[in-house]
Amino acid sequence: MHVVANSLDDLLRKVYRRLVRKNDVIVPTKGNNVEEFGNLLTLKNPRARLSRTETKGTVFSCLGEFVWYMSGSNSLDFIQHYFKDYGKYSDDGVAVYGAYGPRLFDKGGINQLDYIVTKLKENSASRKAVIQLFDADDVVEDHEDVPCTCTLQFVARKNRLHLHVNMRSNDAFKGLPHDVFSFTLLQEFLAVTLGLGLGQYHHSVGSLHLYTEDIEKAELFLKEGLQDDVPMPAMPIGDPTAGITALKEAEKTIRDTQRMPAIPSGLSAYWQDLIRLLAIYSAGSAREIVSIKNEMSSRTYENFIRKRHSLRMRQTDLPLFDRVMGETGVGASSR
């Protein structure tokens, strides 16, 4: 299957239409599913990495997982803050063997992100800018989870950074949207680091599958119809080190205290908004969500915030969201 789309929702719609029509159920380790084998999915606008649907529309778990990767962590407690049932992927209830973070930043003593930057600065036409996640060691012993992603190949062409991800296996309903989010955000992070524009994203999968328990959910997704292709704002031009450092530090503070941390002075609105999204996810009340929301610079994430607010509203007795928003207003700027 070869799918080309402008946005994640367009891509998912094409994939799910194909998978829900499949009749041959296979029975691998993790449950019955229907499968397409041998797939290439191309996302022409990697910033359109978020689903805008009610069925799959989420930013909080996607962002939390990305920060988990970028923190170089394999902590189960960390990722369980965003995915409550992640314990099934841990061998010992403490760490996740297949976690991508340690493999990105310390693969046999190599920081693979630094390697990509060095390699492409040395020779922008290089075809060796490859990150390896899955390897032969992962099949020597039994583990609850090993990486589904084999490699990430970054290629600079015509002043744009393209990414080709190669996966042995991919859950089309639960895993694919999160993988596209994290890998395209990593692609943009490295593009900005290298001073390049953002190219296309290519996602190659051996077994692209839909678990039978998720077929009805995929059908509900399809019934929602077309969505607006609203991309995330562009990552600011310049060295993103300060931004990602502030995001990682703020995430830890928020996860530990459930409080909005102080924003470092001079931090761009882009990174400030990502910090606020993490704080909204951990906020204990609907009123607190509104307060944080009113500091947001971009309205791109408003639908996701509304959904989170509605969840908290069901747990508290506060005025309706629209009424509160009307009384308190919105952020000073938007784009």
C-alpha atoms as a PDB file:
ATOM      1  CA  MET A   1       0.000   0.000   0.000  1.00  0.00           C
ATOM      2  CA  HIS A   2       1.300   3.433  -0.941  1.00  0.00           C
ATOM      3  CA  VAL A   3      -0.491   6.394   0.624  1.00  0.00           C
ATOM      4  CA  VAL A   4       0.279  10.076   0.044  1.00  0.00           C
ATOM      5  CA  ALA A   5      -1.509  12.703   2.148  1.00  0.00           C
ATOM      6  CA  ASN A   6      -1.221  16.331   3.203  1.00  0.00           C
ATOM      7  CA  SER A   7      -2.227  15.764   6.827  1.00  0.00           C
ATOM      8  CA  LEU A   8      -2.295  13.002   9.418  1.00  0.00           C
ATOM      9  CA  ASP A   9      -6.095  12.774   9.268  1.00  0.00           C
ATOM     10  CA  ASP A  10      -6.032  12.344   5.488  1.00  0.00           C
ATOM     11  CA  LEU A  11      -3.377   9.661   5.876  1.00  0.00           C
ATOM     12  CA  LEU A  12      -5.279   7.786   8.592  1.00  0.00           C
ATOM     13  CA  ARG A  13      -8.487   7.926   6.595  1.00  0.00           C
ATOM     14  CA  LYS A  14      -6.832   6.228   3.607  1.00  0.00           C
ATOM     15  CA  VAL A  15      -5.141   3.619   5.799  1.00  0.00           C
ATOM     16  CA  TYR A  16      -8.262   2.754   7.810  1.00  0.00           C
ATOM     17  CA  ARG A  17     -10.445   2.440   4.704  1.00  0.00           C
ATOM     18  CA  ARG A  18      -8.047  -0.191   3.435  1.00  0.00           C
ATOM     19  CA  LEU A  19      -7.680  -2.082   6.699  1.00  0.00           C
ATOM     20  CA  VAL A  20     -11.346  -2.273   7.750  1.00  0.00           C
ATOM     21  CA  ARG A  21     -12.101  -4.079   4.485  1.00  0.00           C
ATOM     22  CA  LYS A  22      -9.617  -6.845   5.257  1.00  0.00           C
ATOM     23  CA  ASN A  23     -11.048 -10.255   6.151  1.00  0.00           C
ATOM     24  CA  ASP A  24      -7.950 -12.342   6.847  1.00  0.00           C
ATOM     25  CA  VAL A  25      -7.316 -12.236  10.597  1.00  0.00           C
ATOM     26  CA  ILE A  26      -3.819 -13.138  11.806  1.00  0.00           C
ATOM     27  CA  VAL A  27      -2.919 -14.190  15.352  1.00  0.00           C
ATOM     28  CA  PRO A  28       0.550 -12.901  16.361  1.00  0.00           C
ATOM     29  CA  THR A  29       1.820 -12.352  19.911  1.00  0.00           C
ATOM     30  CA  LYS A  30      -0.215  -9.309  20.918  1.00  0.00           C
ATOM     31  CA  GLY A  31      -3.677 -10.154  19.616  1.00  0.00           C
ATOM     32  CA  ASN A  32      -5.834 -10.813  16.579  1.00  0.00           C
ATOM     33  CA  ASN A  33      -5.537  -8.256  13.805  1.00  0.00           C
ATOM     34  CA  VAL A  34      -5.968  -7.554  10.126  1.00  0.00           C
ATOM     35  CA  GLU A  35      -2.856  -6.554   8.233  1.00  0.00           C
ATOM     36  CA  GLU A  36      -1.386  -4.918   5.166  1.00  0.00           C
ATOM     37  CA  PHE A  37       2.191  -6.012   4.552  1.00  0.00           C
ATOM     38  CA  GLY A  38       4.643  -3.775   2.709  1.00  0.00           C
ATOM     39  CA  ASN A  39       3.555  -0.135   3.047  1.00  0.00           C
ATOM     40  CA  LEU A  40       4.832   3.367   2.363  1.00  0.00           C
ATOM     41  CA  LEU A  41       2.997   6.324   3.854  1.00  0.00           C
ATOM     42  CA  THR A  42       4.067   9.826   2.810  1.00  0.00           C
ATOM     43  CA  LEU A  43       3.061  12.933   4.737  1.00  0.00           C
ATOM     44  CA  LYS A  44       3.666  15.980   2.553  1.00  0.00           C
ATOM     45  CA  ASN A  45       3.212  18.477   5.387  1.00  0.00           C
ATOM     46  CA  PRO A  46       4.827  17.030   8.521  1.00  0.00           C
ATOM     47  CA  ARG A  47       3.531  19.903  10.674  1.00  0.00           C
ATOM     48  CA  ALA A  48      -0.008  18.617  10.066  1.00  0.00           C
ATOM     49  CA  ARG A  49       0.911  15.873  12.513  1.00  0.00           C
ATOM     50  CA  LEU A  50      -2.121  16.065  14.797  1.00  0.00           C
ATOM     51  CA  SER A  51      -5.501  14.447  14.251  1.00  0.00           C
ATOM     52  CA  ARG A  52      -8.344  16.938  14.549  1.00  0.00           C
ATOM     53  CA  THR A  53     -11.014  14.254  15.064  1.00  0.00           C
ATOM     54  CA  GLU A  54     -12.974  13.393  18.188  1.00  0.00           C
ATOM     55  CA  THR A  55     -11.919   9.749  17.834  1.00  0.00           C
ATOM     56  CA  LYS A  56      -8.147  10.282  17.636  1.00  0.00           C
ATOM     57  CA  GLY A  57      -7.659  13.951  18.414  1.00  0.00           C
ATOM     58  CA  THR A  58      -5.046  14.250  21.135  1.00  0.00           C
ATOM     59  CA  VAL A  59      -1.926  16.279  21.663  1.00  0.00           C
ATOM     60  CA  PHE A  60      -1.108  15.600  25.300  1.00  0.00           C
ATOM     61  CA  SER A  61      -0.031  11.951  25.128  1.00  0.00           C
ATOM     62  CA  CYS A  62       1.789  12.638  21.849  1.00  0.00           C
ATOM     63  CA  LEU A  63       3.747  15.486  23.383  1.00  0.00           C
ATOM     64  CA  GLY A  64       4.412  13.552  26.587  1.00  0.00           C
ATOM     65  CA  GLU A  65       5.831  10.634  24.624  1.00  0.00           C
ATOM     66  CA  PHE A  66       8.038  12.949  22.566  1.00  0.00           C
ATOM     67  CA  VAL A  67       9.493  14.523  25.719  1.00  0.00           C
ATOM     68  CA  TRP A  68      10.056  11.009  27.130  1.00  0.00           C
ATOM     69  CA  TYR A  69      12.144  10.241  24.042  1.00  0.00           C
ATOM     70  CA  MET A  70      14.044  13.515  24.137  1.00  0.00           C
ATOM     71  CA  SER A  71      14.808  13.069  27.841  1.00  0.00           C
ATOM     72  CA  GLY A  72      16.674   9.851  27.051  1.00  0.00           C
ATOM     73  CA  SER A  73      14.514   8.089  29.625  1.00  0.00           C
ATOM     74  CA  ASN A  74      13.335   4.495  29.933  1.00  0.00           C
ATOM     75  CA  SER A  75      11.344   5.197  33.128  1.00  0.00           C
ATOM     76  CA  LEU A  76       7.993   3.462  33.339  1.00  0.00           C
ATOM     77  CA  ASP A  77       6.672   6.036  35.831  1.00  0.00           C
ATOM     78  CA  PHE A  78       7.472   8.806  33.359  1.00  0.00           C
ATOM     79  CA  ILE A  79       5.533   7.376  30.428  1.00  0.00           C
ATOM     80  CA  GLN A  80       2.700   6.053  32.607  1.00  0.00           C
ATOM     81  CA  HIS A  81       1.844   9.645  33.422  1.00  0.00           C
ATOM     82  CA  TYR A  82       0.582   9.836  29.822  1.00  0.00           C
ATOM     83  CA  PHE A  83      -0.282   6.165  29.125  1.00  0.00           C
ATOM     84  CA  LYS A  84      -1.752   4.485  32.199  1.00  0.00           C
ATOM     85  CA  ASP A  85      -1.542   0.946  30.811  1.00  0.00           C
ATOM     86  CA  TYR A  86       2.118   1.127  29.715  1.00  0.00           C
ATOM     87  CA  GLY A  87       3.090  -1.268  32.506  1.00  0.00           C
ATOM     88  CA  LYS A  88       2.390  -4.217  30.229  1.00  0.00           C
ATOM     89  CA  TYR A  89       5.463  -3.206  28.201  1.00  0.00           C
ATOM     90  CA  SER A  90       7.848  -3.327  31.179  1.00  0.00           C
ATOM     91  CA  ASP A  91       9.817  -6.416  32.205  1.00  0.00           C
ATOM     92  CA  ASP A  92      10.275  -5.337  35.833  1.00  0.00           C
ATOM     93  CA  GLY A  93       7.700  -2.647  36.552  1.00  0.00           C
ATOM     94  CA  VAL A  94      10.438  -0.011  36.675  1.00  0.00           C
ATOM     95  CA  ALA A  95      11.913   0.452  33.198  1.00  0.00           C
ATOM     96  CA  VAL A  96      10.879  -0.116  29.574  1.00  0.00           C
ATOM     97  CA  TYR A  97      13.468  -2.201  27.724  1.00  0.00           C
ATOM     98  CA  GLY A  98      12.360  -1.030  24.278  1.00  0.00           C
ATOM     99  CA  ALA A  99      12.285   2.686  25.141  1.00  0.00           C
ATOM    100  CA  TYR A 100      13.626   4.847  22.326  1.00  0.00           C
ATOM    101  CA  GLY A 101      15.212   7.570  24.484  1.00  0.00           C
ATOM    102  CA  PRO A 102      18.305   5.678  25.668  1.00  0.00           C
ATOM    103  CA  ARG A 103      18.816   4.324  22.156  1.00  0.00           C
ATOM    104  CA  LEU A 104      18.662   7.815  20.655  1.00  0.00           C
ATOM    105  CA  PHE A 105      21.139   9.348  23.074  1.00  0.00           C
ATOM    106  CA  ASP A 106      23.361   6.452  24.153  1.00  0.00           C
ATOM    107  CA  LYS A 107      23.395   3.687  21.564  1.00  0.00           C
ATOM    108  CA  GLY A 108      26.644   1.873  22.339  1.00  0.00           C
ATOM    109  CA  GLY A 109      28.005   5.112  23.741  1.00  0.00           C
ATOM    110  CA  ILE A 110      26.901   7.154  20.710  1.00  0.00           C
ATOM    111  CA  ASN A 111      24.543  10.126  20.831  1.00  0.00           C
ATOM    112  CA  GLN A 112      22.759   9.404  17.565  1.00  0.00           C
ATOM    113  CA  LEU A 113      21.143  12.847  17.275  1.00  0.00           C
ATOM    114  CA  ASP A 114      24.543  14.507  17.533  1.00  0.00           C
ATOM    115  CA  TYR A 115      25.797  12.070  14.911  1.00  0.00           C
ATOM    116  CA  ILE A 116      23.053  13.118  12.467  1.00  0.00           C
ATOM    117  CA  VAL A 117      23.898  16.783  12.888  1.00  0.00           C
ATOM    118  CA  THR A 118      27.647  16.183  12.503  1.00  0.00           C
ATOM    119  CA  LYS A 119      27.241  13.930   9.474  1.00  0.00           C
ATOM    120  CA  LEU A 120      24.976  16.299   7.553  1.00  0.00           C
ATOM    121  CA  LYS A 121      27.123  19.300   8.391  1.00  0.00           C
ATOM    122  CA  GLU A 122      30.149  17.443   7.031  1.00  0.00           C
ATOM    123  CA  ASN A 123      28.357  16.412   3.838  1.00  0.00           C
ATOM    124  CA  SER A 124      24.812  17.587   3.200  1.00  0.00           C
ATOM    125  CA  ALA A 125      24.404  14.940   0.476  1.00  0.00           C
ATOM    126  CA  SER A 126      25.288  12.062   2.824  1.00  0.00           C
ATOM    127  CA  ARG A 127      23.180   8.910   2.839  1.00  0.00           C
ATOM    128  CA  LYS A 128      24.686   7.731   6.127  1.00  0.00           C
ATOM    129  CA  ALA A 129      22.629   9.953   8.439  1.00  0.00           C
ATOM    130  CA  VAL A 130      20.790   6.984   9.947  1.00  0.00           C
ATOM    131  CA  ILE A 131      19.582   6.353  13.494  1.00  0.00           C
ATOM    132  CA  GLN A 132      19.238   2.694  14.498  1.00  0.00           C
ATOM    133  CA  LEU A 133      16.708   1.671  17.148  1.00  0.00           C
ATOM    134  CA  PHE A 134      15.955  -2.052  16.680  1.00  0.00           C
ATOM    135  CA  ASP A 135      18.957  -4.382  16.383  1.00  0.00           C
ATOM    136  CA  ALA A 136      20.016  -8.018  16.670  1.00  0.00           C
ATOM    137  CA  ASP A 137      20.396  -7.852  20.460  1.00  0.00           C
ATOM    138  CA  ASP A 138      16.646  -7.335  20.769  1.00  0.00           C
ATOM    139  CA  VAL A 139      15.858 -10.900  19.682  1.00  0.00           C
ATOM    140  CA  VAL A 140      18.429 -12.693  21.857  1.00  0.00           C
ATOM    141  CA  GLU A 141      16.256 -12.586  24.994  1.00  0.00           C
ATOM    142  CA  ASP A 142      12.515 -12.402  25.564  1.00  0.00           C
ATOM    143  CA  HIS A 143      11.209  -8.982  26.560  1.00  0.00           C
ATOM    144  CA  GLU A 144       7.718  -7.596  27.028  1.00  0.00           C
ATOM    145  CA  ASP A 145       8.469  -5.062  24.319  1.00  0.00           C
ATOM    146  CA  VAL A 146      11.179  -4.367  21.754  1.00  0.00           C
ATOM    147  CA  PRO A 147      11.332  -1.424  19.326  1.00  0.00           C
ATOM    148  CA  CYS A 148       8.943  -1.534  16.390  1.00  0.00           C
ATOM    149  CA  THR A 149      11.067   1.111  14.672  1.00  0.00           C
ATOM    150  CA  CYS A 150      14.185  -0.146  12.912  1.00  0.00           C
ATOM    151  CA  THR A 151      15.791   2.995  11.477  1.00  0.00           C
ATOM    152  CA  LEU A 152      15.308   6.705  10.855  1.00  0.00           C
ATOM    153  CA  GLN A 153      17.156   8.031   7.814  1.00  0.00           C
ATOM    154  CA  PHE A 154      17.558  11.793   7.444  1.00  0.00           C
ATOM    155  CA  VAL A 155      18.352  13.191   4.006  1.00  0.00           C
ATOM    156  CA  ALA A 156      19.058  16.820   3.102  1.00  0.00           C
ATOM    157  CA  ARG A 157      17.983  17.711  -0.415  1.00  0.00           C
ATOM    158  CA  LYS A 158      17.416  21.165  -1.918  1.00  0.00           C
ATOM    159  CA  ASN A 159      17.811  22.795   1.497  1.00  0.00           C
ATOM    160  CA  ARG A 160      15.109  20.661   3.093  1.00  0.00           C
ATOM    161  CA  LEU A 161      15.437  17.828   5.582  1.00  0.00           C
ATOM    162  CA  HIS A 162      13.436  14.720   4.687  1.00  0.00           C
ATOM    163  CA  LEU A 163      12.921  11.719   6.930  1.00  0.00           C
ATOM    164  CA  HIS A 164      12.351   8.080   6.011  1.00  0.00           C
ATOM    165  CA  VAL A 165      11.336   5.846   8.948  1.00  0.00           C
ATOM    166  CA  ASN A 166      11.503   2.073   8.569  1.00  0.00           C
ATOM    167  CA  MET A 167       9.315   0.005  10.908  1.00  0.00           C
ATOM    168  CA  ARG A 168       9.015  -3.755  11.219  1.00  0.00           C
ATOM    169  CA  SER A 169       5.518  -3.477  12.758  1.00  0.00           C
ATOM    170  CA  ASN A 170       2.998  -0.704  13.436  1.00  0.00           C
ATOM    171  CA  ASP A 171      -0.384  -0.601  15.164  1.00  0.00           C
ATOM    172  CA  ALA A 172      -2.370   1.612  12.787  1.00  0.00           C
ATOM    173  CA  PHE A 173      -4.884   2.806  15.392  1.00  0.00           C
ATOM    174  CA  LYS A 174      -2.928   3.330  18.610  1.00  0.00           C
ATOM    175  CA  GLY A 175       0.697   3.531  17.493  1.00  0.00           C
ATOM    176  CA  LEU A 176       0.750   5.190  14.074  1.00  0.00           C
ATOM    177  CA  PRO A 177      -0.602   8.641  15.113  1.00  0.00           C
ATOM    178  CA  HIS A 178       1.881   8.870  17.993  1.00  0.00           C
ATOM    179  CA  ASP A 179       4.806   7.688  15.859  1.00  0.00           C
ATOM    180  CA  VAL A 180       4.065  10.242  13.154  1.00  0.00           C
ATOM    181  CA  PHE A 181       3.862  13.007  15.756  1.00  0.00           C
ATOM    182  CA  SER A 182       7.141  12.192  17.513  1.00  0.00           C
ATOM    183  CA  PHE A 183       9.174  11.436  14.417  1.00  0.00           C
ATOM    184  CA  THR A 184       8.027  14.490  12.452  1.00  0.00           C
ATOM    185  CA  LEU A 185       8.677  16.723  15.477  1.00  0.00           C
ATOM    186  CA  LEU A 186      12.156  15.187  15.754  1.00  0.00           C
ATOM    187  CA  GLN A 187      12.572  15.810  12.017  1.00  0.00           C
ATOM    188  CA  GLU A 188      11.659  19.466  12.483  1.00  0.00           C
ATOM    189  CA  PHE A 189      13.945  19.774  15.515  1.00  0.00           C
ATOM    190  CA  LEU A 190      16.910  18.530  13.482  1.00  0.00           C
ATOM    191  CA  ALA A 191      15.940  20.616  10.447  1.00  0.00           C
ATOM    192  CA  VAL A 192      15.974  23.778  12.584  1.00  0.00           C
ATOM    193  CA  THR A 193      19.257  22.700  14.194  1.00  0.00           C
ATOM    194  CA  LEU A 194      20.806  22.315  10.742  1.00  0.00           C
ATOM    195  CA  GLY A 195      19.279  25.511   9.355  1.00  0.00           C
ATOM    196  CA  LEU A 196      17.212  23.587   6.805  1.00  0.00           C
ATOM    197  CA  GLY A 197      13.594  23.752   5.742  1.00  0.00           C
ATOM    198  CA  LEU A 198      11.184  20.950   6.600  1.00  0.00           C
ATOM    199  CA  GLY A 199      10.864  18.320   3.888  1.00  0.00           C
ATOM    200  CA  GLN A 200       8.480  15.405   3.497  1.00  0.00           C
ATOM    201  CA  TYR A 201       7.998  12.541   5.936  1.00  0.00           C
ATOM    202  CA  HIS A 202       8.061   8.938   4.696  1.00  0.00           C
ATOM    203  CA  HIS A 203       6.850   6.095   6.924  1.00  0.00           C
ATOM    204  CA  SER A 204       7.694   2.591   5.716  1.00  0.00           C
ATOM    205  CA  VAL A 205       6.080  -0.347   7.531  1.00  0.00           C
ATOM    206  CA  GLY A 206       6.346  -4.106   7.080  1.00  0.00           C
ATOM    207  CA  SER A 207       3.259  -5.164   9.051  1.00  0.00           C
ATOM    208  CA  LEU A 208       0.752  -2.307   9.284  1.00  0.00           C
ATOM    209  CA  HIS A 209      -2.114  -3.747  11.271  1.00  0.00           C
ATOM    210  CA  LEU A 210      -5.406  -2.975  12.963  1.00  0.00           C
ATOM    211  CA  TYR A 211      -6.349  -5.032  16.005  1.00  0.00           C
ATOM    212  CA  THR A 212      -9.838  -6.503  15.741  1.00  0.00           C
ATOM    213  CA  GLU A 213     -10.811  -4.750  18.989  1.00  0.00           C
ATOM    214  CA  ASP A 214     -10.124  -1.408  17.274  1.00  0.00           C
ATOM    215  CA  ILE A 215     -11.942  -2.012  13.969  1.00  0.00           C
ATOM    216  CA  GLU A 216     -15.177  -0.444  15.216  1.00  0.00           C
ATOM    217  CA  LYS A 217     -13.230   2.576  16.498  1.00  0.00           C
ATOM    218  CA  ALA A 218     -11.556   2.977  13.102  1.00  0.00           C
ATOM    219  CA  GLU A 219     -14.982   2.883  11.470  1.00  0.00           C
ATOM    220  CA  LEU A 220     -16.168   5.635  13.827  1.00  0.00           C
ATOM    221  CA  PHE A 221     -13.130   7.678  12.810  1.00  0.00           C
ATOM    222  CA  LEU A 222     -14.113   7.297   9.156  1.00  0.00           C
ATOM    223  CA  LYS A 223     -17.687   8.389   9.874  1.00  0.00           C
ATOM    224  CA  GLU A 224     -16.427  11.711  11.220  1.00  0.00           C
ATOM    225  CA  GLY A 225     -15.567  12.711   7.652  1.00  0.00           C
ATOM    226  CA  LEU A 226     -13.149  15.386   6.478  1.00  0.00           C
ATOM    227  CA  GLN A 227     -11.296  17.566   8.965  1.00  0.00           C
ATOM    228  CA  ASP A 228      -9.561  20.919   8.632  1.00  0.00           C
ATOM    229  CA  ASP A 229      -5.861  20.542   7.850  1.00  0.00           C
ATOM    230  CA  VAL A 230      -4.542  22.737  10.665  1.00  0.00           C
ATOM    231  CA  PRO A 231      -0.760  22.347  11.096  1.00  0.00           C
ATOM    232  CA  MET A 232       1.205  23.046  14.238  1.00  0.00           C
ATOM    233  CA  PRO A 233       3.074  26.366  14.228  1.00  0.00           C
ATOM    234  CA  ALA A 234       6.573  26.257  12.773  1.00  0.00           C
ATOM    235  CA  MET A 235       9.408  25.688  15.211  1.00  0.00           C
ATOM    236  CA  PRO A 236      11.351  28.951  15.619  1.00  0.00           C
ATOM    237  CA  ILE A 237      14.401  29.446  13.432  1.00  0.00           C
ATOM    238  CA  GLY A 238      17.698  29.172  15.281  1.00  0.00           C
ATOM    239  CA  ASP A 239      19.256  26.787  17.774  1.00  0.00           C
ATOM    240  CA  PRO A 240      16.367  24.908  19.476  1.00  0.00           C
ATOM    241  CA  THR A 241      18.532  23.671  22.364  1.00  0.00           C
ATOM    242  CA  ALA A 242      17.205  26.200  24.887  1.00  0.00           C
ATOM    243  CA  GLY A 243      13.639  25.384  23.878  1.00  0.00           C
ATOM    244  CA  ILE A 244      13.890  21.615  24.219  1.00  0.00           C
ATOM    245  CA  THR A 245      15.842  21.973  27.490  1.00  0.00           C
ATOM    246  CA  ALA A 246      13.150  24.225  28.947  1.00  0.00           C
ATOM    247  CA  LEU A 247      10.436  21.818  27.772  1.00  0.00           C
ATOM    248  CA  LYS A 248      12.122  18.819  29.402  1.00  0.00           C
ATOM    249  CA  GLU A 249      12.737  20.629  32.674  1.00  0.00           C
ATOM    250  CA  ALA A 250       9.180  21.992  32.778  1.00  0.00           C
ATOM    251  CA  GLU A 251       7.715  18.565  32.016  1.00  0.00           C
ATOM    252  CA  LYS A 252       9.484  17.047  35.015  1.00  0.00           C
ATOM    253  CA  THR A 253       8.321  19.839  37.301  1.00  0.00           C
ATOM    254  CA  ILE A 254       4.740  19.525  36.079  1.00  0.00           C
ATOM    255  CA  ARG A 255       4.743  15.736  36.387  1.00  0.00           C
ATOM    256  CA  ASP A 256       6.206  15.878  39.905  1.00  0.00           C
ATOM    257  CA  THR A 257       4.102  18.743  41.268  1.00  0.00           C
ATOM    258  CA  GLN A 258       1.079  19.088  38.935  1.00  0.00           C
ATOM    259  CA  ARG A 259       1.871  22.805  38.902  1.00  0.00           C
ATOM    260  CA  MET A 260       2.646  25.263  36.127  1.00  0.00           C
ATOM    261  CA  PRO A 261       6.356  26.153  36.412  1.00  0.00           C
ATOM    262  CA  ALA A 262       7.869  29.569  35.856  1.00  0.00           C
ATOM    263  CA  ILE A 263       8.576  30.173  32.170  1.00  0.00           C
ATOM    264  CA  PRO A 264      12.234  31.056  31.455  1.00  0.00           C
ATOM    265  CA  SER A 265      12.598  34.647  30.330  1.00  0.00           C
ATOM    266  CA  GLY A 266      13.196  35.039  26.621  1.00  0.00           C
ATOM    267  CA  LEU A 267      11.735  31.641  25.731  1.00  0.00           C
ATOM    268  CA  SER A 268       9.845  31.788  22.436  1.00  0.00           C
ATOM    269  CA  ALA A 269       6.050  31.563  22.372  1.00  0.00           C
ATOM    270  CA  TYR A 270       6.284  28.242  20.526  1.00  0.00           C
ATOM    271  CA  TRP A 271       8.056  26.465  23.398  1.00  0.00           C
ATOM    272  CA  GLN A 272       5.990  28.299  26.002  1.00  0.00           C
ATOM    273  CA  ASP A 273       2.801  26.918  24.452  1.00  0.00           C
ATOM    274  CA  LEU A 274       4.132  23.350  24.541  1.00  0.00           C
ATOM    275  CA  ILE A 275       4.939  23.770  28.239  1.00  0.00           C
ATOM    276  CA  ARG A 276       1.436  25.084  28.865  1.00  0.00           C
ATOM    277  CA  LEU A 277      -0.076  22.095  27.063  1.00  0.00           C
ATOM    278  CA  LEU A 278       1.712  19.752  29.456  1.00  0.00           C
ATOM    279  CA  ALA A 279       0.478  21.826  32.389  1.00  0.00           C
ATOM    280  CA  ILE A 280      -3.092  21.702  31.062  1.00  0.00           C
ATOM    281  CA  TYR A 281      -2.894  17.918  30.866  1.00  0.00           C
ATOM    282  CA  SER A 282      -1.853  17.691  34.531  1.00  0.00           C
ATOM    283  CA  ALA A 283      -4.127  20.476  35.798  1.00  0.00           C
ATOM    284  CA  GLY A 284      -6.342  19.408  38.678  1.00  0.00           C
ATOM    285  CA  SER A 285      -9.336  21.581  37.860  1.00  0.00           C
ATOM    286  CA  ALA A 286     -11.228  23.008  34.931  1.00  0.00           C
ATOM    287  CA  ARG A 287     -10.665  26.538  36.250  1.00  0.00           C
ATOM    288  CA  GLU A 288      -6.908  25.982  36.237  1.00  0.00           C
ATOM    289  CA  ILE A 289      -7.101  24.799  32.618  1.00  0.00           C
ATOM    290  CA  VAL A 290      -8.895  28.005  31.644  1.00  0.00           C
ATOM    291  CA  SER A 291      -6.276  30.103  33.420  1.00  0.00           C
ATOM    292  CA  ILE A 292      -3.414  28.393  31.591  1.00  0.00           C
ATOM    293  CA  LYS A 293      -5.282  28.413  28.305  1.00  0.00           C
ATOM    294  CA  ASN A 294      -5.657  32.189  28.445  1.00  0.00           C
ATOM    295  CA  GLU A 295      -1.859  32.516  28.373  1.00  0.00           C
ATOM    296  CA  MET A 296      -1.511  30.515  25.134  1.00  0.00           C
ATOM    297  CA  SER A 297      -0.119  32.401  22.147  1.00  0.00           C
ATOM    298  CA  SER A 298      -1.499  30.102  19.441  1.00  0.00           C
ATOM    299  CA  ARG A 299      -5.104  28.995  19.003  1.00  0.00           C
ATOM    300  CA  THR A 300      -3.981  25.894  17.116  1.00  0.00           C
ATOM    301  CA  TYR A 301      -4.503  23.685  20.172  1.00  0.00           C
ATOM    302  CA  GLU A 302      -7.844  25.093  21.315  1.00  0.00           C
ATOM    303  CA  ASN A 303      -9.938  22.037  20.388  1.00  0.00           C
ATOM    304  CA  PHE A 304      -7.626  19.745  22.333  1.00  0.00           C
ATOM    305  CA  ILE A 305      -7.796  22.045  25.344  1.00  0.00           C
ATOM    306  CA  ARG A 306     -11.588  22.089  25.159  1.00  0.00           C
ATOM    307  CA  LYS A 307     -11.663  18.300  25.293  1.00  0.00           C
ATOM    308  CA  ARG A 308      -9.386  18.273  28.335  1.00  0.00           C
ATOM    309  CA  HIS A 309     -11.483  20.949  29.970  1.00  0.00           C
ATOM    310  CA  SER A 310     -14.656  18.944  29.361  1.00  0.00           C
ATOM    311  CA  LEU A 311     -13.084  15.946  31.075  1.00  0.00           C
ATOM    312  CA  ARG A 312     -12.306  18.040  34.148  1.00  0.00           C
ATOM    313  CA  MET A 313     -15.778  19.621  34.010  1.00  0.00           C
ATOM    314  CA  ARG A 314     -17.326  16.202  34.500  1.00  0.00           C
ATOM    315  CA  GLN A 315     -15.357  15.919  37.744  1.00  0.00           C
ATOM    316  CA  THR A 316     -16.120  19.382  39.131  1.00  0.00           C
ATOM    317  CA  ASP A 317     -18.997  21.839  39.403  1.00  0.00           C
ATOM    318  CA  LEU A 318     -17.880  24.864  37.396  1.00  0.00           C
ATOM    319  CA  PRO A 319     -19.512  27.181  34.821  1.00  0.00           C
ATOM    320  CA  LEU A 320     -19.717  26.046  31.215  1.00  0.00           C
ATOM    321  CA  PHE A 321     -16.502  26.437  29.235  1.00  0.00           C
ATOM    322  CA  ASP A 322     -17.900  28.857  26.675  1.00  0.00           C
ATOM    323  CA  ARG A 323     -19.273  31.091  29.412  1.00  0.00           C
ATOM    324  CA  VAL A 324     -15.955  31.121  31.269  1.00  0.00           C
ATOM    325  CA  MET A 325     -14.062  31.787  28.057  1.00  0.00           C
ATOM    326  CA  GLY A 326     -16.378  34.652  27.266  1.00  0.00           C
ATOM    327  CA  GLU A 327     -15.775  36.190  30.676  1.00  0.00           C
ATOM    328  CA  THR A 328     -12.002  35.766  30.772  1.00  0.00           C
ATOM    329  CA  GLY A 329     -11.106  36.236  27.111  1.00  0.00           C
ATOM    330  CA  VAL A 330      -8.292  34.600  25.149  1.00  0.00           C
ATOM    331  CA  GLY A 331      -4.565  35.031  24.909  1.00  0.00           C
ATOM    332  CA  ALA A 332      -3.042  38.293  23.838  1.00  0.00           C
ATOM    333  CA  SER A 333      -1.979  36.962  20.448  1.00  0.00           C
ATOM    334  CA  SER A 334      -2.894  34.128  18.120  1.00  0.00           C
ATOM    335  CA  ARG A 335      -1.834  32.676  14.824  1.00  0.00           C
END
